[in-house]
Amino acid sequence: MTQDAVARRLEVSRSTVAQMELGNRAVTSLELDRLATLYGRDLREFLAEEFHGEDALVALFRAHPDVAEQERVVDALRGCVALGREVTNLERLLGIDRDLGTVAVYPMPAPRSRWQAVQQGEQVADHERMRMQLGLAPIANMAEVLETQGIRTALVDLPDDVSGLTLSRATVGLFVVVNRLHRFLRRRFSYAHEHAHVLLDRSRLGTISRTADRDDLIEVRANAFAASLLLPEEGVRRFMTAIGKGGPSRLRADVFDESGVVEVRARSAPEARDIQLYEVAELADHFAVSRLAALYRLRNLRLITDAELDRLKQEEESGKGRHVAALLDLPEVDHEAARNEFRHRFLGLALEALRRGEISRAKLAELAGMVDLGPEDVTRLLRETGLEDLDGEGEIVIPNA
């Protein structure tokens, strides 16, 4: 950052910043706090005996140099790094151990083509389903899957073209962030996408998943992984077969009895094999993915043709899919309610840290502000949880008689 940019953020003159850098001017505690936020640092790092220049933001900017010019994205990244650091600190205070040694890693070479990227993504997804003993069943909660693997997760407001990011740093551990503003089913896909980055791209120390980068081979690989993890091939084929679709058009069996063979031939009627939008809606609901994600998975598994994909896509984009799902009584996800999933967990950690005397009420208010909970809401939360009489040391305050 230039001195002018730093000065603007600190609300001081450029010459003042220059004097700070030269050691000719003292830095106030407020300025130091703003500098820590500006550089994505913990305030305590400035006061430590040793200072390490490499950090999470540096890793992200090195992988995505053009991001440094996008102030809105950079501010969002600062917030993510700060949030990751606070989650890590709360868990440390509460004795919650994240054994990163148990998180799988797949040291695959960087893909050289899109086809190789797709193959790698699908292969690793199959291995992960087996390793986590998921079988062919739908995944109920993607964030929970990551959490049980030792990966911290969060929902944060990000620019629309950023679906998520992954950090792998000592100060935040393995941390996956997904765009809170996106709809629920897209967030599920983004969690699975970022899971691929954790497994396959950990050496990068950080990745940002943006719409503009969707053609990058590691992004193609992560998308292929997500589709395969959420919609396992054998699970999709079994589902379609169970509803009378997806089987071969020509059936053949040779019945052998040691003395001869009886040939059996059959062919299903073409109209019996055509997949309809209501069946796509059922498949999407079963695996908790969007109808478009289900459509592309069906095409990639060659269960529908390109022409059928185009036809069904047009029907979906016209709004017909939503109406069909409603008529089939397939539940619509409450996107707004699902957005608070991370906030509940984060505030739960903070409240428990307060109850144990590990943080003060002022720190609780600061943490609550990071997830958009104001002072009045914090007061009400303390009252509702029975913690309003705790002082800064976590002790019960007993008024004088």
Protein backbone atom coordinates (compact mmCIF):
# COMPACT_ATOMS: atom_id res chain seq x y z
CA MET A 1 0.00 0.00 0.00
CA THR A 2 1.16 3.55 -0.65
CA GLN A 3 1.64 6.01 2.18
CA ASP A 4 -1.28 8.00 0.76
CA ALA A 5 -3.56 4.96 0.95
CA VAL A 6 -2.50 4.18 4.53
CA ALA A 7 -2.93 7.81 5.55
CA ARG A 8 -6.44 7.86 4.13
CA ARG A 9 -7.41 4.76 6.10
CA LEU A 10 -5.83 6.10 9.31
CA GLU A 11 -7.36 9.54 8.74
CA VAL A 12 -3.98 11.26 9.05
CA SER A 13 -1.67 13.03 6.60
CA ARG A 14 0.84 11.23 4.39
CA SER A 15 3.69 12.98 6.17
CA THR A 16 2.41 11.61 9.48
CA VAL A 17 2.60 8.07 8.09
CA ALA A 18 6.13 8.79 6.85
CA GLN A 19 7.15 9.97 10.32
CA MET A 20 5.68 6.77 11.82
CA GLU A 21 7.72 4.65 9.44
CA LEU A 22 10.89 6.60 10.30
CA GLY A 23 10.24 6.14 14.01
CA ASN A 24 9.97 9.87 14.56
CA ARG A 25 6.36 9.82 15.76
CA ALA A 26 4.65 7.68 18.37
CA VAL A 27 1.72 5.53 17.27
CA THR A 28 -1.46 5.74 19.32
CA SER A 29 -3.32 2.61 20.38
CA LEU A 30 -6.20 3.53 18.05
CA GLU A 31 -3.81 3.94 15.10
CA LEU A 32 -2.13 0.65 15.94
CA ASP A 33 -5.50 -1.08 16.00
CA ARG A 34 -6.37 0.39 12.61
CA LEU A 35 -2.99 -0.65 11.21
CA ALA A 36 -3.54 -4.20 12.44
CA THR A 37 -6.91 -4.31 10.68
CA LEU A 38 -5.46 -2.70 7.56
CA TYR A 39 -2.72 -5.31 7.24
CA GLY A 40 -4.81 -8.27 8.34
CA ARG A 41 -2.77 -8.75 11.51
CA ASP A 42 -3.40 -9.54 15.12
CA LEU A 43 -2.54 -6.54 17.29
CA ARG A 44 -0.31 -8.76 19.44
CA GLU A 45 1.92 -9.49 16.45
CA PHE A 46 3.22 -5.91 16.57
CA LEU A 47 4.25 -6.39 20.19
CA ALA A 48 5.80 -9.86 19.85
CA GLU A 49 9.54 -10.46 20.15
CA GLU A 50 9.62 -11.87 16.63
CA PHE A 51 7.67 -10.66 13.62
CA HIS A 52 7.01 -12.84 10.58
CA GLY A 53 6.43 -10.97 7.33
CA GLU A 54 4.50 -13.77 5.61
CA ASP A 55 0.79 -13.70 6.38
CA ALA A 56 -2.60 -14.76 5.03
CA LEU A 57 -3.28 -11.58 3.04
CA VAL A 58 0.18 -11.69 1.44
CA ALA A 59 -0.47 -15.27 0.34
CA LEU A 60 -3.83 -14.33 -1.18
CA PHE A 61 -2.41 -11.31 -3.01
CA ARG A 62 0.48 -13.36 -4.35
CA ALA A 63 -1.95 -15.92 -5.79
CA HIS A 64 -4.31 -13.18 -7.07
CA PRO A 65 -2.21 -10.03 -7.68
CA ASP A 66 -5.05 -8.15 -9.39
CA VAL A 67 -7.18 -8.37 -6.23
CA ALA A 68 -4.99 -5.81 -4.45
CA GLU A 69 -6.45 -3.15 -6.76
CA GLN A 70 -10.05 -3.97 -5.77
CA GLU A 71 -10.61 -2.16 -2.48
CA ARG A 72 -14.01 -3.72 -1.79
CA VAL A 73 -12.61 -7.22 -2.17
CA VAL A 74 -9.54 -6.38 -0.09
CA ASP A 75 -11.72 -5.04 2.74
CA ALA A 76 -13.77 -8.25 2.65
CA LEU A 77 -10.57 -10.30 2.83
CA ARG A 78 -9.37 -8.31 5.83
CA GLY A 79 -12.63 -9.12 7.57
CA CYS A 80 -12.27 -12.82 6.75
CA VAL A 81 -8.72 -13.00 8.09
CA ALA A 82 -9.73 -11.19 11.28
CA LEU A 83 -12.73 -13.48 11.74
CA GLY A 84 -10.61 -16.58 11.19
CA ARG A 85 -8.11 -15.39 13.74
CA GLU A 86 -10.86 -14.75 16.32
CA VAL A 87 -12.47 -18.17 15.75
CA THR A 88 -9.05 -19.79 16.20
CA ASN A 89 -8.43 -17.81 19.40
CA LEU A 90 -11.85 -18.64 20.88
CA GLU A 91 -11.37 -22.34 20.23
CA ARG A 92 -7.90 -22.19 21.78
CA LEU A 93 -9.30 -20.47 24.89
CA LEU A 94 -12.01 -23.14 25.16
CA GLY A 95 -9.58 -26.02 24.66
CA ILE A 96 -11.09 -27.08 21.33
CA ASP A 97 -8.32 -28.87 19.48
CA ARG A 98 -8.23 -28.88 15.69
CA ASP A 99 -5.81 -31.63 14.70
CA LEU A 100 -4.81 -30.49 11.22
CA GLY A 101 -2.80 -33.66 10.81
CA THR A 102 -6.05 -35.55 10.28
CA VAL A 103 -7.18 -33.35 7.38
CA ALA A 104 -6.59 -35.25 4.16
CA VAL A 105 -4.33 -33.88 1.44
CA TYR A 106 -3.99 -35.11 -2.14
CA PRO A 107 -0.61 -34.13 -3.61
CA MET A 108 -1.70 -34.26 -7.24
CA PRO A 109 0.21 -32.47 -9.99
CA ALA A 110 -1.35 -29.32 -11.36
CA PRO A 111 -3.74 -30.26 -14.18
CA ARG A 112 -2.46 -29.55 -17.70
CA SER A 113 -5.85 -29.53 -19.41
CA ARG A 114 -9.52 -29.07 -18.57
CA TRP A 115 -10.21 -32.73 -19.11
CA GLN A 116 -7.44 -33.71 -16.70
CA ALA A 117 -8.77 -31.16 -14.20
CA VAL A 118 -12.24 -32.76 -14.37
CA GLN A 119 -10.79 -36.27 -14.00
CA GLN A 120 -8.72 -35.27 -10.97
CA GLY A 121 -11.66 -33.53 -9.31
CA GLU A 122 -14.01 -36.46 -9.77
CA GLN A 123 -11.38 -38.98 -8.67
CA VAL A 124 -10.63 -37.12 -5.43
CA ALA A 125 -14.35 -36.65 -4.73
CA ASP A 126 -14.88 -40.41 -5.00
CA HIS A 127 -11.96 -41.02 -2.62
CA GLU A 128 -13.31 -38.46 -0.15
CA ARG A 129 -16.75 -40.04 -0.09
CA MET A 130 -15.15 -43.39 0.70
CA ARG A 131 -12.75 -41.92 3.27
CA MET A 132 -15.53 -40.07 5.09
CA GLN A 133 -17.84 -43.10 4.78
CA LEU A 134 -20.56 -41.10 3.06
CA GLY A 135 -21.59 -43.89 0.71
CA LEU A 136 -24.02 -42.72 -1.97
CA ALA A 137 -26.29 -40.76 0.35
CA PRO A 138 -26.96 -37.04 0.01
CA ILE A 139 -24.81 -34.79 2.23
CA ALA A 140 -27.07 -33.16 4.79
CA ASN A 141 -24.81 -30.27 5.85
CA MET A 142 -21.66 -29.36 3.89
CA ALA A 143 -20.35 -26.95 6.53
CA GLU A 144 -20.69 -29.67 9.15
CA VAL A 145 -18.75 -32.10 6.96
CA LEU A 146 -15.86 -29.64 6.81
CA GLU A 147 -16.04 -28.89 10.53
CA THR A 148 -15.86 -32.58 11.43
CA GLN A 149 -12.70 -32.81 9.30
CA GLY A 150 -11.01 -30.09 11.38
CA ILE A 151 -11.68 -27.28 8.90
CA ARG A 152 -13.13 -24.04 10.27
CA THR A 153 -15.96 -22.51 8.26
CA ALA A 154 -17.64 -19.13 8.15
CA LEU A 155 -20.31 -17.19 6.27
CA VAL A 156 -19.22 -13.65 5.40
CA ASP A 157 -20.66 -10.93 3.17
CA LEU A 158 -18.44 -10.91 0.08
CA PRO A 159 -18.65 -9.18 -3.32
CA ASP A 160 -21.08 -11.03 -5.59
CA ASP A 161 -18.37 -12.38 -7.93
CA VAL A 162 -16.51 -13.99 -5.00
CA SER A 163 -18.13 -17.27 -4.01
CA GLY A 164 -15.63 -18.17 -1.30
CA LEU A 165 -12.04 -18.38 -0.19
CA THR A 166 -9.71 -20.77 1.61
CA LEU A 167 -6.92 -19.87 4.03
CA SER A 168 -4.23 -22.19 5.31
CA ARG A 169 -2.15 -20.28 7.86
CA ALA A 170 -0.87 -20.91 11.37
CA THR A 171 -2.90 -18.00 12.78
CA VAL A 172 -6.21 -19.20 11.32
CA GLY A 173 -5.62 -22.91 10.66
CA LEU A 174 -7.59 -24.31 7.74
CA PHE A 175 -10.36 -21.82 7.21
CA VAL A 176 -13.07 -21.88 4.54
CA VAL A 177 -15.26 -18.83 3.97
CA VAL A 178 -18.37 -18.78 1.78
CA ASN A 179 -20.35 -15.78 0.55
CA ARG A 180 -23.23 -15.25 2.94
CA LEU A 181 -25.14 -13.18 0.38
CA HIS A 182 -25.49 -16.07 -2.06
CA ARG A 183 -28.46 -18.38 -1.98
CA PHE A 184 -28.36 -21.50 0.18
CA LEU A 185 -27.83 -24.08 -2.59
CA ARG A 186 -25.03 -22.03 -4.11
CA ARG A 187 -23.39 -21.80 -0.70
CA ARG A 188 -23.54 -25.59 -0.38
CA PHE A 189 -21.78 -25.91 -3.72
CA SER A 190 -19.21 -23.29 -2.66
CA TYR A 191 -18.41 -25.20 0.54
CA ALA A 192 -17.75 -28.31 -1.55
CA HIS A 193 -15.71 -26.23 -4.02
CA GLU A 194 -13.53 -24.80 -1.24
CA HIS A 195 -13.16 -28.29 0.23
CA ALA A 196 -11.38 -29.20 -3.00
CA HIS A 197 -8.95 -26.32 -2.51
CA VAL A 198 -8.21 -27.56 1.03
CA LEU A 199 -7.48 -31.05 -0.26
CA LEU A 200 -5.64 -30.20 -3.47
CA ASP A 201 -4.25 -26.66 -3.24
CA ARG A 202 -3.08 -26.33 0.35
CA SER A 203 0.45 -25.42 -0.69
CA ARG A 204 -0.91 -22.14 -2.08
CA LEU A 205 -1.70 -21.00 1.49
CA GLY A 206 -4.78 -19.22 0.20
CA THR A 207 -7.21 -19.16 -2.72
CA ILE A 208 -10.01 -16.83 -3.77
CA SER A 209 -12.81 -18.32 -5.86
CA ARG A 210 -14.14 -15.71 -8.29
CA THR A 211 -16.45 -15.88 -11.27
CA ALA A 212 -13.77 -14.22 -13.39
CA ASP A 213 -11.39 -17.13 -12.70
CA ARG A 214 -13.77 -20.00 -13.47
CA ASP A 215 -11.65 -21.04 -16.50
CA ASP A 216 -8.51 -21.50 -14.38
CA LEU A 217 -7.68 -25.19 -14.23
CA ILE A 218 -7.68 -25.42 -10.43
CA GLU A 219 -11.14 -23.81 -10.43
CA VAL A 220 -12.36 -26.28 -13.07
CA ARG A 221 -10.98 -29.08 -10.90
CA ALA A 222 -12.67 -27.71 -7.76
CA ASN A 223 -16.02 -27.39 -9.56
CA ALA A 224 -15.76 -30.95 -10.88
CA PHE A 225 -14.95 -32.12 -7.35
CA ALA A 226 -17.97 -30.28 -5.90
CA ALA A 227 -20.38 -31.67 -8.48
CA SER A 228 -19.12 -35.20 -7.95
CA LEU A 229 -19.11 -34.93 -4.16
CA LEU A 230 -22.66 -33.59 -3.97
CA LEU A 231 -24.00 -35.73 -6.83
CA PRO A 232 -22.06 -39.02 -6.76
CA GLU A 233 -22.25 -40.81 -10.09
CA GLU A 234 -23.54 -44.13 -8.79
CA GLY A 235 -26.02 -42.38 -6.52
CA VAL A 236 -27.42 -40.35 -9.42
CA ARG A 237 -27.66 -43.41 -11.67
CA ARG A 238 -29.47 -45.43 -9.01
CA PHE A 239 -31.89 -42.58 -8.34
CA MET A 240 -32.73 -42.21 -12.03
CA THR A 241 -33.09 -45.97 -12.47
CA ALA A 242 -35.43 -46.10 -9.47
CA ILE A 243 -37.81 -43.67 -11.20
CA GLY A 244 -37.59 -45.59 -14.46
CA LYS A 245 -35.02 -43.40 -16.19
CA GLY A 246 -31.35 -43.65 -16.91
CA GLY A 247 -31.23 -47.28 -18.04
CA PRO A 248 -29.92 -48.34 -21.44
CA SER A 249 -32.28 -48.10 -24.40
CA ARG A 250 -31.27 -51.56 -25.63
CA LEU A 251 -31.42 -54.50 -23.23
CA ARG A 252 -29.71 -57.81 -23.90
CA ALA A 253 -29.39 -61.02 -21.90
CA ASP A 254 -28.05 -64.42 -22.94
CA VAL A 255 -29.55 -67.20 -20.80
CA PHE A 256 -27.06 -70.09 -20.68
CA ASP A 257 -27.88 -73.57 -19.34
CA GLU A 258 -24.68 -75.58 -20.18
CA SER A 259 -26.33 -77.01 -23.30
CA GLY A 260 -27.25 -73.89 -25.19
CA VAL A 261 -28.11 -70.22 -25.10
CA VAL A 262 -31.44 -68.41 -25.24
CA GLU A 263 -31.05 -64.87 -26.52
CA VAL A 264 -33.25 -62.18 -24.93
CA ARG A 265 -33.56 -58.78 -26.60
CA ALA A 266 -35.67 -55.77 -25.59
CA ARG A 267 -35.81 -52.09 -26.25
CA SER A 268 -37.47 -49.41 -24.14
CA ALA A 269 -39.72 -46.92 -25.84
CA PRO A 270 -37.91 -43.61 -26.51
CA GLU A 271 -40.56 -41.58 -24.73
CA ALA A 272 -40.12 -43.74 -21.60
CA ARG A 273 -36.47 -42.68 -21.33
CA ASP A 274 -36.90 -38.94 -21.87
CA ILE A 275 -36.06 -37.13 -18.64
CA GLN A 276 -38.56 -34.43 -17.72
CA LEU A 277 -38.10 -31.28 -15.66
CA TYR A 278 -40.16 -32.66 -12.78
CA GLU A 279 -37.73 -35.59 -12.53
CA VAL A 280 -34.80 -33.17 -12.50
CA ALA A 281 -36.57 -31.33 -9.68
CA GLU A 282 -36.88 -34.58 -7.72
CA LEU A 283 -33.20 -35.39 -8.26
CA ALA A 284 -32.12 -31.89 -7.22
CA ASP A 285 -34.26 -32.04 -4.09
CA HIS A 286 -32.92 -35.48 -3.15
CA PHE A 287 -29.27 -34.37 -3.26
CA ALA A 288 -30.00 -30.76 -2.12
CA VAL A 289 -28.49 -29.05 -5.16
CA SER A 290 -29.86 -26.54 -7.63
CA ARG A 291 -31.81 -27.83 -10.61
CA LEU A 292 -29.15 -26.41 -12.94
CA ALA A 293 -26.42 -28.31 -11.07
CA ALA A 294 -28.50 -31.49 -11.43
CA LEU A 295 -28.97 -30.83 -15.16
CA TYR A 296 -25.27 -30.42 -15.85
CA ARG A 297 -24.45 -33.50 -13.81
CA LEU A 298 -26.96 -35.53 -15.84
CA ARG A 299 -25.40 -34.27 -19.06
CA ASN A 300 -21.84 -35.04 -17.88
CA LEU A 301 -22.95 -38.56 -16.95
CA ARG A 302 -24.51 -38.85 -20.44
CA LEU A 303 -27.95 -39.42 -19.03
CA ILE A 304 -29.21 -36.55 -21.19
CA THR A 305 -27.95 -35.19 -24.50
CA ASP A 306 -26.78 -31.64 -25.23
CA ALA A 307 -30.11 -30.99 -26.95
CA GLU A 308 -32.03 -32.24 -23.92
CA LEU A 309 -29.87 -30.08 -21.66
CA ASP A 310 -30.70 -27.00 -23.73
CA ARG A 311 -34.41 -27.79 -23.68
CA LEU A 312 -34.53 -28.42 -19.94
CA LYS A 313 -32.38 -25.36 -19.24
CA GLN A 314 -34.78 -23.15 -21.17
CA GLU A 315 -37.69 -24.56 -19.16
CA GLU A 316 -35.83 -23.97 -15.90
CA GLU A 317 -34.77 -20.43 -16.78
CA SER A 318 -38.33 -19.53 -17.77
CA GLY A 319 -39.37 -20.19 -14.16
CA LYS A 320 -41.09 -23.47 -14.91
CA GLY A 321 -38.77 -25.45 -12.63
CA ARG A 322 -39.70 -23.40 -9.58
CA HIS A 323 -43.41 -23.84 -10.29
CA VAL A 324 -43.01 -27.59 -10.88
CA ALA A 325 -41.12 -27.98 -7.58
CA ALA A 326 -43.87 -26.10 -5.75
CA LEU A 327 -46.58 -28.28 -7.30
CA LEU A 328 -44.63 -31.40 -6.30
CA ASP A 329 -44.53 -30.02 -2.75
CA LEU A 330 -40.74 -30.01 -2.74
CA PRO A 331 -39.74 -27.71 0.12
CA GLU A 332 -38.15 -24.37 -0.73
CA VAL A 333 -35.06 -23.67 1.38
CA ASP A 334 -35.37 -20.76 3.79
CA HIS A 335 -32.31 -18.93 2.48
CA GLU A 336 -32.43 -16.16 5.07
CA ALA A 337 -32.67 -18.49 8.07
CA ALA A 338 -29.77 -20.55 6.76
CA ARG A 339 -27.58 -17.45 6.51
CA ASN A 340 -27.27 -17.28 10.32
CA GLU A 341 -25.69 -20.70 10.73
CA PHE A 342 -22.16 -19.41 11.31
CA ARG A 343 -23.27 -16.47 13.47
CA HIS A 344 -24.97 -18.85 15.93
CA ARG A 345 -21.84 -20.98 16.29
CA PHE A 346 -19.48 -18.01 16.55
CA LEU A 347 -21.56 -16.26 19.19
CA GLY A 348 -21.94 -19.54 21.07
CA LEU A 349 -18.15 -19.81 21.32
CA ALA A 350 -17.89 -16.20 22.47
CA LEU A 351 -20.59 -16.60 25.13
CA GLU A 352 -18.93 -19.73 26.50
CA ALA A 353 -15.57 -17.91 26.61
CA LEU A 354 -17.25 -15.10 28.56
CA ARG A 355 -18.89 -17.56 30.96
CA ARG A 356 -15.50 -19.17 31.67
CA GLY A 357 -13.88 -15.79 32.24
CA GLU A 358 -11.63 -16.11 29.19
CA ILE A 359 -12.84 -12.88 27.55
CA SER A 360 -14.40 -9.66 28.82
CA ARG A 361 -17.81 -8.23 28.01
CA ALA A 362 -16.04 -5.59 25.91
CA LYS A 363 -14.39 -8.34 23.87
CA LEU A 364 -17.74 -10.08 23.49
CA ALA A 365 -19.22 -6.85 22.13
CA GLU A 366 -16.30 -6.52 19.71
CA LEU A 367 -16.76 -10.09 18.45
CA ALA A 368 -20.52 -9.64 18.15
CA GLY A 369 -19.91 -6.57 16.01
CA MET A 370 -17.92 -8.71 13.59
CA VAL A 371 -21.12 -10.63 12.81
CA ASP A 372 -23.33 -7.53 12.74
CA LEU A 373 -24.78 -7.79 16.23
CA GLY A 374 -25.14 -4.35 17.82
CA PRO A 375 -24.75 -3.33 21.49
CA GLU A 376 -28.49 -3.52 22.22
CA ASP A 377 -28.65 -7.00 20.73
CA VAL A 378 -25.65 -8.05 22.82
CA THR A 379 -27.35 -6.77 25.99
CA ARG A 380 -30.52 -8.68 25.11
CA LEU A 381 -28.48 -11.81 24.29
CA LEU A 382 -26.73 -11.69 27.67
CA ARG A 383 -30.07 -11.25 29.42
CA GLU A 384 -31.70 -14.14 27.53
CA THR A 385 -28.74 -16.46 28.24
CA GLY A 386 -28.55 -15.53 31.92
CA LEU A 387 -25.05 -14.06 31.58
CA GLU A 388 -25.92 -10.39 32.09
CA ASP A 389 -24.56 -10.38 35.67
CA LEU A 390 -21.10 -11.57 34.67
CA ASP A 391 -18.35 -8.97 35.01
CA GLY A 392 -15.25 -8.79 32.82
CA GLU A 393 -13.61 -11.62 34.79
CA GLY A 394 -16.45 -14.06 34.22
CA GLU A 395 -17.53 -13.76 37.88
CA ILE A 396 -21.09 -13.28 39.08
CA VAL A 397 -21.67 -9.77 40.40
CA ILE A 398 -23.73 -9.75 43.62
CA PRO A 399 -25.14 -6.27 44.38
CA ASN A 400 -24.65 -4.90 47.90
CA ALA A 401 -27.63 -5.39 50.18
